[in-house]
Protein backbone atom coordinates (compact mmCIF):
# COMPACT_ATOMS: atom_id res chain seq x y z
CA MET A 1 -92.13 10.51 201.38
CA THR A 2 -93.51 7.04 201.44
CA GLU A 3 -91.18 3.82 201.43
CA GLN A 4 -92.18 2.91 197.97
CA GLN A 5 -90.89 6.53 196.71
CA LYS A 6 -87.69 6.05 198.72
CA LYS A 7 -86.83 2.57 196.89
CA GLN A 8 -87.72 4.18 193.51
CA LEU A 9 -85.40 7.22 194.13
CA VAL A 10 -82.46 4.87 195.29
CA GLY A 11 -83.21 2.56 192.29
CA ALA A 12 -83.04 5.58 189.87
CA ALA A 13 -79.75 6.88 191.56
CA ALA A 14 -78.11 3.43 191.32
CA LEU A 15 -79.26 3.02 187.52
CA LEU A 16 -77.82 6.63 186.80
CA VAL A 17 -74.38 5.81 188.54
CA SER A 18 -74.23 2.47 186.67
CA ALA A 19 -75.18 4.23 183.31
CA LEU A 20 -72.34 7.01 183.93
CA ILE A 21 -69.81 4.12 184.62
CA LEU A 22 -70.83 1.87 181.74
CA PHE A 23 -71.66 4.21 178.91
CA PRO A 24 -67.98 5.55 178.43
CA LEU A 25 -66.70 1.85 178.70
CA LEU A 26 -69.17 0.60 175.80
CA LEU A 27 -69.20 3.61 173.62
CA ASP A 28 -65.41 4.29 173.17
CA GLY A 29 -65.62 4.36 169.50
CA SER A 30 -63.56 1.26 168.88
CA GLY A 31 -66.04 0.15 166.23
CA TYR A 32 -65.73 3.61 164.36
CA ARG A 33 -61.97 3.39 164.04
CA GLU A 34 -62.06 1.39 160.84
CA ARG A 35 -64.02 3.99 158.88
CA HIS A 36 -61.28 6.65 159.62
CA LEU A 37 -59.48 7.34 156.30
CA GLN A 38 -56.26 9.25 155.89
CA GLU A 39 -56.40 12.58 154.23
CA ARG A 40 -55.02 12.42 150.84
CA ILE A 41 -55.75 15.93 149.74
CA PRO A 42 -52.61 17.96 149.43
CA GLN A 43 -52.41 21.38 151.30
CA ALA A 44 -53.34 24.32 149.08
CA PRO A 45 -50.30 26.37 148.03
CA GLU A 46 -49.72 29.53 149.86
CA LEU A 47 -50.62 32.60 147.73
CA PRO A 48 -48.71 35.80 148.09
CA ALA A 49 -50.49 38.59 150.02
CA ARG A 50 -50.21 40.92 147.16
CA VAL A 51 -49.98 40.52 143.37
CA ASP A 52 -48.43 43.19 141.24
CA ILE A 53 -49.99 43.37 137.87
CA GLU A 54 -48.10 45.21 135.10
CA PRO A 55 -49.97 47.47 132.70
CA VAL A 56 -50.33 46.29 129.15
CA GLU A 57 -48.77 48.65 126.81
CA SER A 58 -51.45 48.57 124.07
CA ILE A 59 -53.74 46.24 122.37
CA PRO A 60 -53.29 46.17 118.49
CA GLU A 61 -56.36 46.85 116.63
CA ARG A 62 -55.52 45.17 113.54
CA GLU A 63 -53.82 41.64 112.69
CA SER A 64 -51.12 43.40 110.68
CA GLU A 65 -49.82 45.16 113.85
CA LEU A 66 -49.53 41.86 115.84
CA PRO A 67 -45.95 40.48 116.08
CA ALA A 68 -45.19 37.46 114.10
CA PRO A 69 -45.22 34.25 116.01
CA ALA A 70 -42.11 32.29 116.89
CA GLU A 71 -41.13 29.37 114.94
CA PRO A 72 -42.48 26.03 116.64
CA ALA A 73 -39.56 23.65 118.00
CA VAL A 74 -39.37 20.51 115.75
CA ILE A 75 -38.37 17.16 117.34
CA SER A 76 -37.24 14.57 115.14
CA VAL A 77 -38.20 11.33 116.14
CA PRO A 78 -38.09 8.07 113.82
CA VAL A 79 -41.57 7.39 112.65
CA PRO A 80 -41.13 3.51 112.53
CA GLU A 81 -39.75 3.45 116.14
CA LEU A 82 -42.24 5.81 117.39
CA ALA A 83 -45.21 3.58 115.87
CA ASP A 84 -43.76 0.49 117.29
CA ALA A 85 -43.57 1.96 120.80
CA ILE A 86 -47.17 3.30 120.66
CA ASP A 87 -48.47 -0.11 119.52
CA ALA A 88 -46.45 -1.85 122.46
CA GLN A 89 -48.28 0.49 124.88
CA LYS A 90 -51.84 -0.11 123.52
CA PRO A 91 -53.83 -2.56 125.75
CA GLN A 92 -55.13 -5.68 124.12
CA VAL A 93 -58.71 -5.47 125.00
CA SER A 94 -61.42 -7.07 122.77
CA ALA A 95 -64.89 -5.28 122.94
CA GLN A 96 -66.50 -8.44 121.97
CA GLN A 97 -64.87 -10.64 124.67
CA ASP A 98 -64.91 -8.27 127.57
CA THR A 99 -68.23 -6.19 127.42
CA PRO A 100 -69.67 -5.50 130.74
CA VAL A 101 -72.88 -7.28 131.30
CA LEU A 102 -75.92 -7.20 133.66
CA ASP A 103 -76.76 -9.98 135.81
CA GLU A 104 -80.55 -11.41 136.27
CA GLN A 105 -81.18 -8.68 138.76
CA GLN A 106 -80.00 -5.90 136.19
CA VAL A 107 -76.60 -5.15 138.27
CA PRO A 108 -73.38 -4.84 136.49
CA VAL A 109 -71.42 -7.65 136.70
CA ALA A 110 -67.94 -6.65 138.31
CA TRP A 111 -64.69 -8.30 139.35
CA THR A 112 -62.35 -7.92 141.95
CA LEU A 113 -58.91 -9.33 142.77
CA GLN A 114 -58.56 -11.16 146.22
CA LEU A 115 -54.72 -10.88 146.75
CA ALA A 116 -54.44 -12.34 150.31
CA SER A 117 -55.99 -13.72 153.48
CA PHE A 118 -54.69 -13.16 156.88
CA LYS A 119 -55.64 -14.30 160.30
CA ASP A 120 -53.97 -11.37 161.80
CA GLU A 121 -55.80 -8.02 160.92
CA ALA A 122 -52.49 -6.08 161.29
CA ASN A 123 -50.92 -7.93 158.33
CA ALA A 124 -53.98 -7.13 156.08
CA ARG A 125 -53.68 -3.30 156.99
CA SER A 126 -50.05 -3.27 156.39
CA LEU A 127 -50.54 -4.87 153.03
CA ARG A 128 -53.44 -2.51 152.32
CA SER A 129 -51.49 0.60 153.11
CA GLU A 130 -48.61 -0.49 151.12
CA LEU A 131 -50.68 -0.96 147.94
CA VAL A 132 -52.68 2.17 148.50
CA ASP A 133 -49.43 4.14 148.76
CA ALA A 134 -48.41 2.56 145.53
CA GLY A 135 -51.78 3.78 143.92
CA TYR A 136 -54.05 0.85 143.78
CA LYS A 137 -57.52 0.80 144.84
CA VAL A 138 -57.54 -1.55 147.87
CA TYR A 139 -60.06 -2.64 150.43
CA ILE A 140 -60.32 -5.32 153.06
CA ARG A 141 -63.13 -7.46 154.27
CA HIS A 142 -63.47 -9.34 157.63
CA GLY A 143 -64.69 -12.82 157.48
CA PRO A 144 -65.60 -15.21 160.26
CA ASP A 145 -62.06 -16.14 160.85
CA LEU A 146 -59.77 -14.50 158.14
CA VAL A 147 -59.48 -10.94 156.87
CA ARG A 148 -59.09 -10.69 152.94
CA VAL A 149 -57.39 -7.99 150.94
CA PHE A 150 -58.84 -7.14 147.60
CA VAL A 151 -57.75 -4.95 144.77
CA GLY A 152 -60.63 -3.48 142.54
CA PRO A 153 -63.53 -3.87 141.57
CA ASP A 154 -63.50 -3.37 137.79
CA LEU A 155 -66.21 -4.03 135.25
CA GLN A 156 -63.67 -5.61 132.86
CA ARG A 157 -62.05 -8.96 133.75
CA SER A 158 -59.15 -8.54 131.34
CA ARG A 159 -57.86 -5.46 133.07
CA LEU A 160 -57.88 -7.26 136.21
CA GLU A 161 -55.89 -10.00 134.65
CA ALA A 162 -53.21 -7.70 133.60
CA LEU A 163 -53.22 -6.03 137.17
CA GLN A 164 -52.98 -9.58 138.31
CA ALA A 165 -49.76 -10.06 136.49
CA ARG A 166 -48.20 -6.83 137.21
CA LEU A 167 -48.92 -7.40 141.24
CA LYS A 168 -47.31 -10.90 140.98
CA SER A 169 -44.37 -9.42 139.29
CA ASP A 170 -44.00 -6.42 141.67
CA TYR A 171 -45.27 -7.83 144.94
CA ALA A 172 -44.80 -11.61 144.39
CA LEU A 173 -48.59 -12.13 145.29
CA ASP A 174 -50.76 -14.50 143.51
CA GLY A 175 -54.30 -13.47 143.45
CA MET A 176 -57.33 -14.89 142.26
CA ILE A 177 -60.20 -13.08 140.38
CA VAL A 178 -63.59 -13.47 141.83
CA ARG A 179 -67.17 -11.76 141.27
CA PHE A 180 -67.52 -8.46 143.25
CA THR A 181 -70.10 -8.22 145.88
CA THR A 182 -71.22 -5.63 148.12
CA GLN A 183 -71.70 -7.82 151.23
């Protein structure tokens, strides 16, 4: 074996040892932890191992042999009060004012509600988890110095304005509606 081959083997061995030491340190998966989502699918109910089916006596061949249907239950509700309650629950959205539109690149214009900005990412994650548990569509975005918490997006700005008022009353968060972008 020549001196050149010995140097190449020693160099290859040194590279292999350093790679075995450094790769686990560099590739520990810390950048991937952000993408792990909690599973929100409930467990399937347990079914019984055996289901007993009772036989049907007989199916009548004519309608005259069918039993008479039971009388439906009648609930009496004053009609004017019911109509007022229904009208109060209807959203006040004008189709002419809040119609989704396309921008110059033929992409739908969407809006999102920026709720808060934090320097500490743990605070942003805490708010996000609290709002997700309450049933809101929440995401966070990392900026150069801040982590922002958003709710949305939605194609109709009026729905976000109603959501903004609800979040202000429930969580005392003043948000601002901004144009949604994918970056």
